[in-house]
Amino acid sequence: MEFKTLSNSTKMPILGFGVYQVKDANEATEAVLNAIHAGYRLIDTAASYGNERAVGEAIKRSDVAREGLFITSKLWVQDAGYEKTTQAIKDSLKRLQLNYLDLYLIHQPFNDVFGSWHAMIEAQKAGLVKEIGVSNFSISQLTNLAEFTGVKPSINQIEVNPFNQNNSSVAYFSDYGVQVEAWAPFAEGRNGLFSNKTLQKIGDVHHKSIAQVVLRWLIQRGLVVVAKSSQPGRMAQNIDVLDFELTDTEMTTISELNIGESQFFAHDDPEIIKWMARRTIDY
């Protein structure tokens, strides 16, 4: 496995396993155990996914030492603010059965993110989290948070896939010293990604799948990537992307697939913000 070194000198695996939408506890535990067995060391969950307990059970049952794993969780919108975030971190640790998190993120850029950020800075100083970051923040939102608190997020986890490449954001955050982590690298198969002829042609050259080509493309852009699959065979395939390299021409060809639109929803859509404000999660 290859690593990225974050701002607090923590080494983060460049490939991770995500458990978004894996609601069944047994399925989530089994998936994480299979992922660890396949070689994944970065496990990405969130309070809003409803499976922190199942992930914690897998970590407990794993034969890999805690120090050998990199565990990420995230703060949901309803827990924003200093006091609520302070408690939310403790609650996530309890559900995960852990003494510390390797990375804790503000999941969405809404509500009292400044209060949350101050609580996260204190949690980092107390050793409850090693690295703190954000998710789905725009350039202006992240810069605002960093400049007015004096603490830059180590990570910004955003949507990056061949159809929404987020080139300007990736370039800015890289220059600003914030590591970009890509979620939904396969766009959940939308827009015909897994039957895309351009990606398939590149894959055929390297004897790799379309998924492997996409992951390799993201890694060569300098991103950390979180992928999800419930099938052990695909888990193993997705992590097997460090033994080949895309040419400059192939990287350019993939860049031409960009349509510059989210394959899910726009975070600046007022209706989306209203929905998130109303969404209450029973952990």
Protein backbone atom coordinates (compact mmCIF):
# COMPACT_ATOMS: atom_id res chain seq x y z
CA MET A 1 0.00 0.00 0.00
CA GLU A 2 1.08 3.58 -0.70
CA PHE A 3 0.42 6.45 1.69
CA LYS A 4 -0.12 10.19 1.87
CA THR A 5 1.34 12.13 4.77
CA LEU A 6 -1.20 14.56 6.22
CA SER A 7 -0.63 17.87 8.00
CA ASN A 8 -0.25 16.28 11.45
CA SER A 9 2.32 13.79 10.05
CA THR A 10 -0.22 10.97 9.98
CA LYS A 11 0.24 8.48 7.15
CA MET A 12 -3.02 7.78 5.32
CA PRO A 13 -3.47 4.89 2.85
CA ILE A 14 -4.24 6.13 -0.65
CA LEU A 15 -6.95 3.48 -1.11
CA GLY A 16 -9.80 2.97 1.30
CA PHE A 17 -12.97 0.95 1.78
CA GLY A 18 -16.28 2.76 2.35
CA VAL A 19 -19.48 1.45 3.94
CA TYR A 20 -22.00 4.02 2.73
CA GLN A 21 -25.50 2.50 2.30
CA VAL A 22 -24.49 -0.76 4.01
CA LYS A 23 -27.25 -0.63 6.63
CA ASP A 24 -27.54 -4.27 7.69
CA ALA A 25 -25.24 -4.82 10.69
CA ASN A 26 -24.15 -8.33 9.77
CA GLU A 27 -23.52 -7.32 6.16
CA ALA A 28 -21.48 -4.30 7.22
CA THR A 29 -19.36 -6.30 9.65
CA GLU A 30 -18.75 -9.01 7.07
CA ALA A 31 -17.89 -6.44 4.39
CA VAL A 32 -15.31 -4.71 6.58
CA LEU A 33 -13.76 -8.01 7.63
CA ASN A 34 -13.50 -9.05 3.98
CA ALA A 35 -12.01 -5.67 3.08
CA ILE A 36 -9.35 -5.92 5.78
CA HIS A 37 -8.58 -9.46 4.66
CA ALA A 38 -8.18 -8.15 1.09
CA GLY A 39 -5.59 -5.65 2.28
CA TYR A 40 -7.55 -2.46 2.97
CA ARG A 41 -6.36 -0.51 5.99
CA LEU A 42 -8.39 2.68 5.51
CA ILE A 43 -12.02 2.14 6.57
CA ASP A 44 -14.44 5.03 6.00
CA THR A 45 -17.73 5.27 7.89
CA ALA A 46 -19.95 8.05 9.29
CA ALA A 47 -22.49 8.59 12.03
CA SER A 48 -25.16 9.13 9.38
CA TYR A 49 -24.46 5.74 7.75
CA GLY A 50 -25.89 4.00 10.78
CA ASN A 51 -23.23 1.28 10.79
CA GLU A 52 -20.51 2.52 13.15
CA ARG A 53 -21.31 -0.29 15.60
CA ALA A 54 -20.98 -2.91 12.87
CA VAL A 55 -17.68 -1.40 11.69
CA GLY A 56 -16.43 -1.40 15.28
CA GLU A 57 -17.33 -5.06 15.63
CA ALA A 58 -15.32 -5.89 12.50
CA ILE A 59 -12.32 -3.96 13.80
CA LYS A 60 -12.57 -5.84 17.09
CA ARG A 61 -12.73 -9.21 15.30
CA SER A 62 -9.98 -8.37 12.81
CA ASP A 63 -6.54 -9.95 13.16
CA VAL A 64 -4.93 -6.61 12.22
CA ALA A 65 -3.75 -4.50 15.15
CA ARG A 66 -5.59 -1.23 15.73
CA GLU A 67 -2.41 0.71 14.97
CA GLY A 68 -2.35 -0.88 11.53
CA LEU A 69 -5.78 0.50 10.60
CA PHE A 70 -6.85 4.00 9.58
CA ILE A 71 -10.44 4.65 10.70
CA THR A 72 -12.49 7.62 9.52
CA SER A 73 -15.89 8.77 10.75
CA LYS A 74 -17.94 11.91 10.19
CA LEU A 75 -20.12 14.41 12.04
CA TRP A 76 -23.69 14.73 10.81
CA VAL A 77 -25.44 18.11 10.40
CA GLN A 78 -27.76 17.66 13.39
CA ASP A 79 -24.73 17.45 15.71
CA ALA A 80 -23.06 20.65 14.52
CA GLY A 81 -21.96 23.18 17.13
CA TYR A 82 -19.33 23.07 19.85
CA GLU A 83 -21.15 21.15 22.58
CA LYS A 84 -22.97 18.72 20.29
CA THR A 85 -19.80 17.94 18.35
CA THR A 86 -17.84 17.32 21.54
CA GLN A 87 -20.44 14.71 22.50
CA ALA A 88 -20.77 13.32 18.97
CA ILE A 89 -17.07 12.46 18.85
CA LYS A 90 -17.38 10.54 22.12
CA ASP A 91 -20.50 8.78 20.84
CA SER A 92 -18.82 7.70 17.60
CA LEU A 93 -15.84 6.36 19.53
CA LYS A 94 -18.19 4.42 21.81
CA ARG A 95 -20.12 2.91 18.90
CA LEU A 96 -16.86 1.99 17.17
CA GLN A 97 -15.34 0.65 20.40
CA LEU A 98 -12.22 2.75 19.82
CA ASN A 99 -10.05 5.02 21.93
CA TYR A 100 -9.25 7.32 19.03
CA LEU A 101 -10.10 8.02 15.38
CA ASP A 102 -7.43 8.50 12.73
CA LEU A 103 -9.60 11.04 10.92
CA TYR A 104 -12.82 12.86 11.79
CA LEU A 105 -14.68 14.95 9.23
CA ILE A 106 -17.48 17.51 9.20
CA HIS A 107 -19.75 15.60 6.82
CA GLN A 108 -21.58 18.56 5.28
CA PRO A 109 -20.78 22.32 5.17
CA PHE A 110 -23.97 23.36 6.97
CA ASN A 111 -25.14 24.55 10.40
CA ASP A 112 -22.60 25.74 12.98
CA VAL A 113 -19.43 24.40 11.34
CA PHE A 114 -17.26 26.89 13.23
CA GLY A 115 -18.44 25.60 16.59
CA SER A 116 -17.86 22.05 15.38
CA TRP A 117 -14.38 22.90 14.13
CA HIS A 118 -13.32 24.36 17.48
CA ALA A 119 -14.58 21.20 19.23
CA MET A 120 -12.64 19.05 16.75
CA ILE A 121 -9.45 21.06 17.30
CA GLU A 122 -9.76 20.40 21.03
CA ALA A 123 -10.48 16.71 20.43
CA GLN A 124 -7.32 16.50 18.35
CA LYS A 125 -5.27 18.12 21.11
CA ALA A 126 -6.78 15.64 23.58
CA GLY A 127 -5.74 12.69 21.40
CA LEU A 128 -9.28 11.58 20.57
CA VAL A 129 -8.65 12.16 16.86
CA LYS A 130 -5.34 12.26 14.99
CA GLU A 131 -6.46 14.31 11.99
CA ILE A 132 -9.45 16.57 11.39
CA GLY A 133 -11.01 17.54 8.10
CA VAL A 134 -14.16 18.27 6.17
CA SER A 135 -16.30 16.77 3.45
CA ASN A 136 -18.20 18.40 0.59
CA PHE A 137 -16.80 21.87 1.31
CA SER A 138 -16.40 24.26 -1.60
CA ILE A 139 -13.26 26.33 -2.09
CA SER A 140 -14.78 29.37 -0.40
CA GLN A 141 -16.31 27.39 2.48
CA LEU A 142 -13.06 25.62 3.33
CA THR A 143 -10.95 28.76 2.97
CA ASN A 144 -13.34 30.68 5.20
CA LEU A 145 -13.12 28.00 7.89
CA ALA A 146 -9.33 27.75 7.71
CA GLU A 147 -8.51 31.44 7.57
CA PHE A 148 -10.80 32.48 10.42
CA THR A 149 -9.73 29.68 12.78
CA GLY A 150 -6.07 29.40 11.80
CA VAL A 151 -6.38 25.62 11.38
CA LYS A 152 -6.58 24.08 7.91
CA PRO A 153 -8.49 20.82 7.42
CA SER A 154 -6.13 17.95 6.65
CA ILE A 155 -8.65 16.49 4.21
CA ASN A 156 -11.56 17.57 2.06
CA GLN A 157 -13.55 14.56 0.93
CA ILE A 158 -15.45 15.48 -2.24
CA GLU A 159 -17.10 13.81 -5.21
CA VAL A 160 -14.54 13.06 -7.92
CA ASN A 161 -15.17 10.67 -10.81
CA PRO A 162 -14.61 10.70 -14.58
CA PHE A 163 -17.83 12.69 -15.18
CA ASN A 164 -17.33 15.19 -12.35
CA GLN A 165 -13.58 15.69 -12.13
CA ASN A 166 -13.60 18.82 -9.95
CA ASN A 167 -10.37 20.01 -11.55
CA SER A 168 -10.35 23.55 -10.16
CA SER A 169 -11.13 22.38 -6.62
CA VAL A 170 -8.50 19.63 -6.70
CA ALA A 171 -5.88 22.10 -7.95
CA TYR A 172 -6.78 24.75 -5.36
CA PHE A 173 -6.83 22.40 -2.38
CA SER A 174 -3.53 20.86 -3.44
CA ASP A 175 -1.90 24.29 -3.62
CA TYR A 176 -3.53 25.27 -0.32
CA GLY A 177 -2.11 22.23 1.46
CA VAL A 178 -5.32 20.23 1.87
CA GLN A 179 -5.40 16.61 0.73
CA VAL A 180 -8.37 15.74 -1.50
CA GLU A 181 -10.10 12.42 -0.90
CA ALA A 182 -12.49 11.19 -3.59
CA TRP A 183 -15.87 9.71 -2.75
CA ALA A 184 -18.06 7.95 -5.33
CA PRO A 185 -15.12 7.31 -7.71
CA PHE A 186 -17.39 5.10 -9.85
CA ALA A 187 -20.36 7.51 -9.64
CA GLU A 188 -22.30 4.44 -8.44
CA GLY A 189 -22.25 3.26 -12.06
CA ARG A 190 -24.23 6.23 -13.29
CA ASN A 191 -23.92 7.62 -16.81
CA GLY A 192 -22.93 4.16 -18.01
CA LEU A 193 -19.52 4.23 -16.36
CA PHE A 194 -19.05 0.46 -16.27
CA SER A 195 -19.81 0.15 -19.97
CA ASN A 196 -17.88 3.22 -21.09
CA LYS A 197 -15.96 2.32 -24.25
CA THR A 198 -13.17 4.82 -23.64
CA LEU A 199 -12.42 3.42 -20.20
CA GLN A 200 -12.79 -0.15 -21.43
CA LYS A 201 -10.29 0.43 -24.24
CA ILE A 202 -7.72 1.75 -21.76
CA GLY A 203 -8.43 -1.17 -19.43
CA ASP A 204 -7.89 -3.67 -22.23
CA VAL A 205 -4.43 -2.26 -22.88
CA HIS A 206 -3.41 -2.82 -19.27
CA HIS A 207 -5.47 -5.98 -18.72
CA LYS A 208 -7.43 -4.15 -16.04
CA SER A 209 -11.11 -3.51 -15.38
CA ILE A 210 -12.84 -0.16 -15.83
CA ALA A 211 -12.97 0.20 -12.05
CA GLN A 212 -9.23 -0.35 -11.79
CA VAL A 213 -8.57 2.23 -14.52
CA VAL A 214 -10.69 4.81 -12.67
CA LEU A 215 -8.94 4.18 -9.36
CA ARG A 216 -5.52 4.37 -10.98
CA TRP A 217 -6.49 7.63 -12.72
CA LEU A 218 -7.48 9.16 -9.37
CA ILE A 219 -4.31 7.98 -7.63
CA GLN A 220 -2.15 9.45 -10.39
CA ARG A 221 -3.95 12.76 -9.82
CA GLY A 222 -2.63 12.65 -6.26
CA LEU A 223 -5.94 11.84 -4.58
CA VAL A 224 -6.85 9.46 -1.77
CA VAL A 225 -9.76 7.28 -2.90
CA VAL A 226 -12.56 5.49 -1.05
CA ALA A 227 -14.38 2.75 -2.98
CA LYS A 228 -17.13 0.35 -1.97
CA SER A 229 -18.07 -3.18 -2.98
CA SER A 230 -19.84 -5.96 -1.11
CA GLN A 231 -18.17 -8.67 -3.20
CA PRO A 232 -14.78 -9.97 -1.98
CA GLY A 233 -13.60 -10.54 -5.56
CA ARG A 234 -14.18 -6.93 -6.50
CA MET A 235 -12.65 -5.73 -3.24
CA ALA A 236 -9.46 -7.56 -4.17
CA GLN A 237 -9.62 -6.25 -7.73
CA ASN A 238 -10.12 -2.64 -6.62
CA ILE A 239 -7.06 -2.68 -4.39
CA ASP A 240 -4.91 -4.22 -7.13
CA VAL A 241 -4.12 -0.96 -8.91
CA LEU A 242 -0.58 -0.23 -7.81
CA ASP A 243 1.17 -2.42 -10.37
CA PHE A 244 0.47 -0.38 -13.51
CA GLU A 245 0.55 3.24 -14.65
CA LEU A 246 -1.58 5.19 -17.09
CA THR A 247 0.26 7.12 -19.79
CA ASP A 248 -0.05 10.89 -20.17
CA THR A 249 -2.18 10.29 -23.26
CA GLU A 250 -4.52 7.98 -21.34
CA MET A 251 -4.82 10.51 -18.50
CA THR A 252 -5.73 13.19 -21.05
CA THR A 253 -8.26 10.89 -22.72
CA ILE A 254 -10.00 10.27 -19.40
CA SER A 255 -9.99 14.01 -18.66
CA GLU A 256 -12.10 14.49 -21.80
CA LEU A 257 -14.95 12.50 -20.20
CA ASN A 258 -15.57 15.34 -17.77
CA ILE A 259 -19.00 16.99 -18.00
CA GLY A 260 -18.45 19.04 -14.86
CA GLU A 261 -21.67 18.08 -13.13
CA SER A 262 -22.34 16.17 -9.93
CA GLN A 263 -23.71 12.71 -10.60
CA PHE A 264 -25.78 13.02 -7.42
CA PHE A 265 -26.85 16.51 -6.32
CA ALA A 266 -25.53 20.05 -5.98
CA HIS A 267 -24.54 21.07 -2.46
CA ASP A 268 -25.48 24.68 -3.16
CA ASP A 269 -29.07 23.72 -4.07
CA PRO A 270 -31.37 25.37 -1.46
CA GLU A 271 -33.72 22.38 -1.52
CA ILE A 272 -30.85 20.02 -0.68
CA ILE A 273 -29.82 22.27 2.22
CA LYS A 274 -33.43 22.32 3.51
CA TRP A 275 -33.57 18.53 3.29
CA MET A 276 -30.35 18.15 5.27
CA ALA A 277 -31.60 20.60 7.89
CA ARG A 278 -34.72 18.48 8.38
CA ARG A 279 -32.99 15.08 8.31
CA THR A 280 -32.78 13.66 11.80
CA ILE A 281 -30.89 10.44 12.39
CA ASP A 282 -31.52 8.04 15.25
CA TYR A 283 -28.11 6.57 15.95
